[in-house]
């Protein structure tokens, strides 16, 4: 199950999606996407979306944990993590805040 595709699809019609233990992808009124690592508490939305795709409770937990681990690992290894059409997460070197940049095209 591709979590990035689920996030991308959900954000087309919704304003916020929390990835438990990672943060929230937020769509501003302007359409700009931002990321907040302050909103990390599981609100059940991503779990419900993955269940609707046919994953069991255990598969859902493993899928989310793997996504969070791989995202953090790429951030540590490369300093950024590309998340397809969602965008690229990169830690601002001056503030240490995670920022979401538009998707890389081409």
C-alpha atoms as a PDB file:
ATOM      1  CA  UNK A   1       0.000   0.000   0.000  1.00  0.00           C
ATOM      2  CA  UNK A   2       1.437   3.344  -1.022  1.00  0.00           C
ATOM      3  CA  UNK A   3       0.826   5.825   1.795  1.00  0.00           C
ATOM      4  CA  UNK A   4       1.925   8.766  -0.378  1.00  0.00           C
ATOM      5  CA  UNK A   5      -0.866   7.995  -2.861  1.00  0.00           C
ATOM      6  CA  UNK A   6      -3.417   7.836  -0.042  1.00  0.00           C
ATOM      7  CA  UNK A   7      -2.208  11.195   1.321  1.00  0.00           C
ATOM      8  CA  UNK A   8      -2.244  12.769  -2.152  1.00  0.00           C
ATOM      9  CA  UNK A   9      -5.766  11.556  -2.886  1.00  0.00           C
ATOM     10  CA  UNK A  10      -7.126  12.647   0.496  1.00  0.00           C
ATOM     11  CA  UNK A  11      -5.651  16.148   0.304  1.00  0.00           C
ATOM     12  CA  UNK A  12      -7.447  16.819  -2.990  1.00  0.00           C
ATOM     13  CA  UNK A  13     -10.735  17.266  -1.092  1.00  0.00           C
ATOM     14  CA  UNK A  14      -9.640  17.776   2.520  1.00  0.00           C
ATOM     15  CA  UNK A  15      -7.595  20.323   4.451  1.00  0.00           C
ATOM     16  CA  UNK A  16      -5.560  18.211   6.874  1.00  0.00           C
ATOM     17  CA  UNK A  17      -4.206  14.697   7.263  1.00  0.00           C
ATOM     18  CA  UNK A  18      -2.274  13.596  10.332  1.00  0.00           C
ATOM     19  CA  UNK A  19       0.358  10.889   9.985  1.00  0.00           C
ATOM     20  CA  UNK A  20       0.654   9.501  13.524  1.00  0.00           C
ATOM     21  CA  UNK A  21       4.071  10.104  15.108  1.00  0.00           C
ATOM     22  CA  UNK A  22       5.248  12.187  12.140  1.00  0.00           C
ATOM     23  CA  UNK A  23       3.067  15.256  11.619  1.00  0.00           C
ATOM     24  CA  UNK A  24       0.231  16.736   9.606  1.00  0.00           C
ATOM     25  CA  UNK A  25      -0.030  17.710   5.973  1.00  0.00           C
ATOM     26  CA  UNK A  26      -2.204  20.820   5.764  1.00  0.00           C
ATOM     27  CA  UNK A  27      -3.730  22.557   2.750  1.00  0.00           C
ATOM     28  CA  UNK A  28      -4.039  26.309   3.263  1.00  0.00           C
ATOM     29  CA  UNK A  29      -6.916  28.316   1.761  1.00  0.00           C
ATOM     30  CA  UNK A  30      -4.550  29.408  -1.017  1.00  0.00           C
ATOM     31  CA  UNK A  31      -4.011  25.760  -1.962  1.00  0.00           C
ATOM     32  CA  UNK A  32      -0.449  25.774  -0.638  1.00  0.00           C
ATOM     33  CA  UNK A  33       0.503  22.623   1.241  1.00  0.00           C
ATOM     34  CA  UNK A  34       2.432  22.903   4.477  1.00  0.00           C
ATOM     35  CA  UNK A  35       3.646  20.427   7.094  1.00  0.00           C
ATOM     36  CA  UNK A  36       3.405  20.682  10.866  1.00  0.00           C
ATOM     37  CA  UNK A  37       5.280  18.282  13.110  1.00  0.00           C
ATOM     38  CA  UNK A  38       3.303  19.659  16.074  1.00  0.00           C
ATOM     39  CA  UNK A  39       0.170  17.704  15.070  1.00  0.00           C
ATOM     40  CA  UNK A  40       1.287  14.098  15.515  1.00  0.00           C
ATOM     41  CA  UNK A  41      -1.459  12.548  17.618  1.00  0.00           C
ATOM     42  CA  UNK A  42      -3.429   9.900  15.748  1.00  0.00           C
ATOM     43  CA  UNK A  43      -6.888  11.218  14.869  1.00  0.00           C
ATOM     44  CA  UNK A  44      -7.837   7.940  13.163  1.00  0.00           C
ATOM     45  CA  UNK A  45      -8.281   9.377   9.660  1.00  0.00           C
ATOM     46  CA  UNK A  46      -5.242   7.765   8.014  1.00  0.00           C
ATOM     47  CA  UNK A  47      -6.051   4.467   9.715  1.00  0.00           C
ATOM     48  CA  UNK A  48      -9.602   4.633   8.340  1.00  0.00           C
ATOM     49  CA  UNK A  49      -8.341   5.440   4.852  1.00  0.00           C
ATOM     50  CA  UNK A  50      -6.000   2.441   4.880  1.00  0.00           C
ATOM     51  CA  UNK A  51      -8.749   0.178   6.240  1.00  0.00           C
ATOM     52  CA  UNK A  52     -10.973   1.339   3.370  1.00  0.00           C
ATOM     53  CA  UNK A  53      -8.213   0.221   0.972  1.00  0.00           C
ATOM     54  CA  UNK A  54      -8.533  -3.290   2.398  1.00  0.00           C
ATOM     55  CA  UNK A  55      -5.756  -3.425   4.980  1.00  0.00           C
ATOM     56  CA  UNK A  56      -6.297  -5.204   8.274  1.00  0.00           C
ATOM     57  CA  UNK A  57      -5.654  -3.469  11.587  1.00  0.00           C
ATOM     58  CA  UNK A  58      -2.203  -5.072  11.856  1.00  0.00           C
ATOM     59  CA  UNK A  59      -1.287  -4.278   8.227  1.00  0.00           C
ATOM     60  CA  UNK A  60      -2.377  -0.680   8.744  1.00  0.00           C
ATOM     61  CA  UNK A  61      -0.203  -0.274  11.843  1.00  0.00           C
ATOM     62  CA  UNK A  62       2.802  -1.802  10.070  1.00  0.00           C
ATOM     63  CA  UNK A  63       2.260   0.324   6.953  1.00  0.00           C
ATOM     64  CA  UNK A  64       2.105   3.575   8.933  1.00  0.00           C
ATOM     65  CA  UNK A  65       5.106   2.641  11.106  1.00  0.00           C
ATOM     66  CA  UNK A  66       7.139   1.735   8.016  1.00  0.00           C
ATOM     67  CA  UNK A  67       6.194   4.999   6.277  1.00  0.00           C
ATOM     68  CA  UNK A  68       7.207   7.066   9.337  1.00  0.00           C
ATOM     69  CA  UNK A  69      10.472   5.123   9.741  1.00  0.00           C
ATOM     70  CA  UNK A  70      11.409   5.425   6.060  1.00  0.00           C
ATOM     71  CA  UNK A  71      10.553   9.130   5.965  1.00  0.00           C
ATOM     72  CA  UNK A  72      12.649   9.871   9.057  1.00  0.00           C
ATOM     73  CA  UNK A  73      15.477   7.678   7.771  1.00  0.00           C
ATOM     74  CA  UNK A  74      15.614   9.540   4.440  1.00  0.00           C
ATOM     75  CA  UNK A  75      15.539  12.858   6.294  1.00  0.00           C
ATOM     76  CA  UNK A  76      18.535  11.791   8.386  1.00  0.00           C
ATOM     77  CA  UNK A  77      20.412  10.284   5.449  1.00  0.00           C
ATOM     78  CA  UNK A  78      19.812  12.916   2.755  1.00  0.00           C
ATOM     79  CA  UNK A  79      18.413  15.918   4.616  1.00  0.00           C
ATOM     80  CA  UNK A  80      15.129  15.662   2.726  1.00  0.00           C
ATOM     81  CA  UNK A  81      12.457  13.168   1.757  1.00  0.00           C
ATOM     82  CA  UNK A  82      10.566  13.241  -1.541  1.00  0.00           C
ATOM     83  CA  UNK A  83       6.941  12.277  -1.136  1.00  0.00           C
ATOM     84  CA  UNK A  84       5.745  12.183  -4.742  1.00  0.00           C
ATOM     85  CA  UNK A  85       2.863  14.539  -5.483  1.00  0.00           C
ATOM     86  CA  UNK A  86       2.642  15.554  -1.814  1.00  0.00           C
ATOM     87  CA  UNK A  87       5.961  17.402  -2.010  1.00  0.00           C
ATOM     88  CA  UNK A  88       9.418  17.255  -0.474  1.00  0.00           C
ATOM     89  CA  UNK A  89      10.023  17.458   3.265  1.00  0.00           C
ATOM     90  CA  UNK A  90      13.210  19.303   4.198  1.00  0.00           C
ATOM     91  CA  UNK A  91      14.453  20.576   7.543  1.00  0.00           C
ATOM     92  CA  UNK A  92      15.244  24.290   7.476  1.00  0.00           C
ATOM     93  CA  UNK A  93      18.934  24.490   8.462  1.00  0.00           C
ATOM     94  CA  UNK A  94      18.485  27.747  10.382  1.00  0.00           C
ATOM     95  CA  UNK A  95      15.269  27.066  12.294  1.00  0.00           C
ATOM     96  CA  UNK A  96      15.247  23.260  12.368  1.00  0.00           C
ATOM     97  CA  UNK A  97      11.585  23.326  11.309  1.00  0.00           C
ATOM     98  CA  UNK A  98      10.374  20.786   8.761  1.00  0.00           C
ATOM     99  CA  UNK A  99       9.079  22.484   5.627  1.00  0.00           C
ATOM    100  CA  UNK A 100       7.090  21.016   2.780  1.00  0.00           C
ATOM    101  CA  UNK A 101       8.217  22.121  -0.674  1.00  0.00           C
ATOM    102  CA  UNK A 102       6.212  21.617  -3.877  1.00  0.00           C
ATOM    103  CA  UNK A 103       6.664  18.276  -5.674  1.00  0.00           C
ATOM    104  CA  UNK A 104       9.660  17.850  -7.930  1.00  0.00           C
ATOM    105  CA  UNK A 105       8.563  17.660 -11.552  1.00  0.00           C
ATOM    106  CA  UNK A 106      10.423  16.415 -14.583  1.00  0.00           C
END
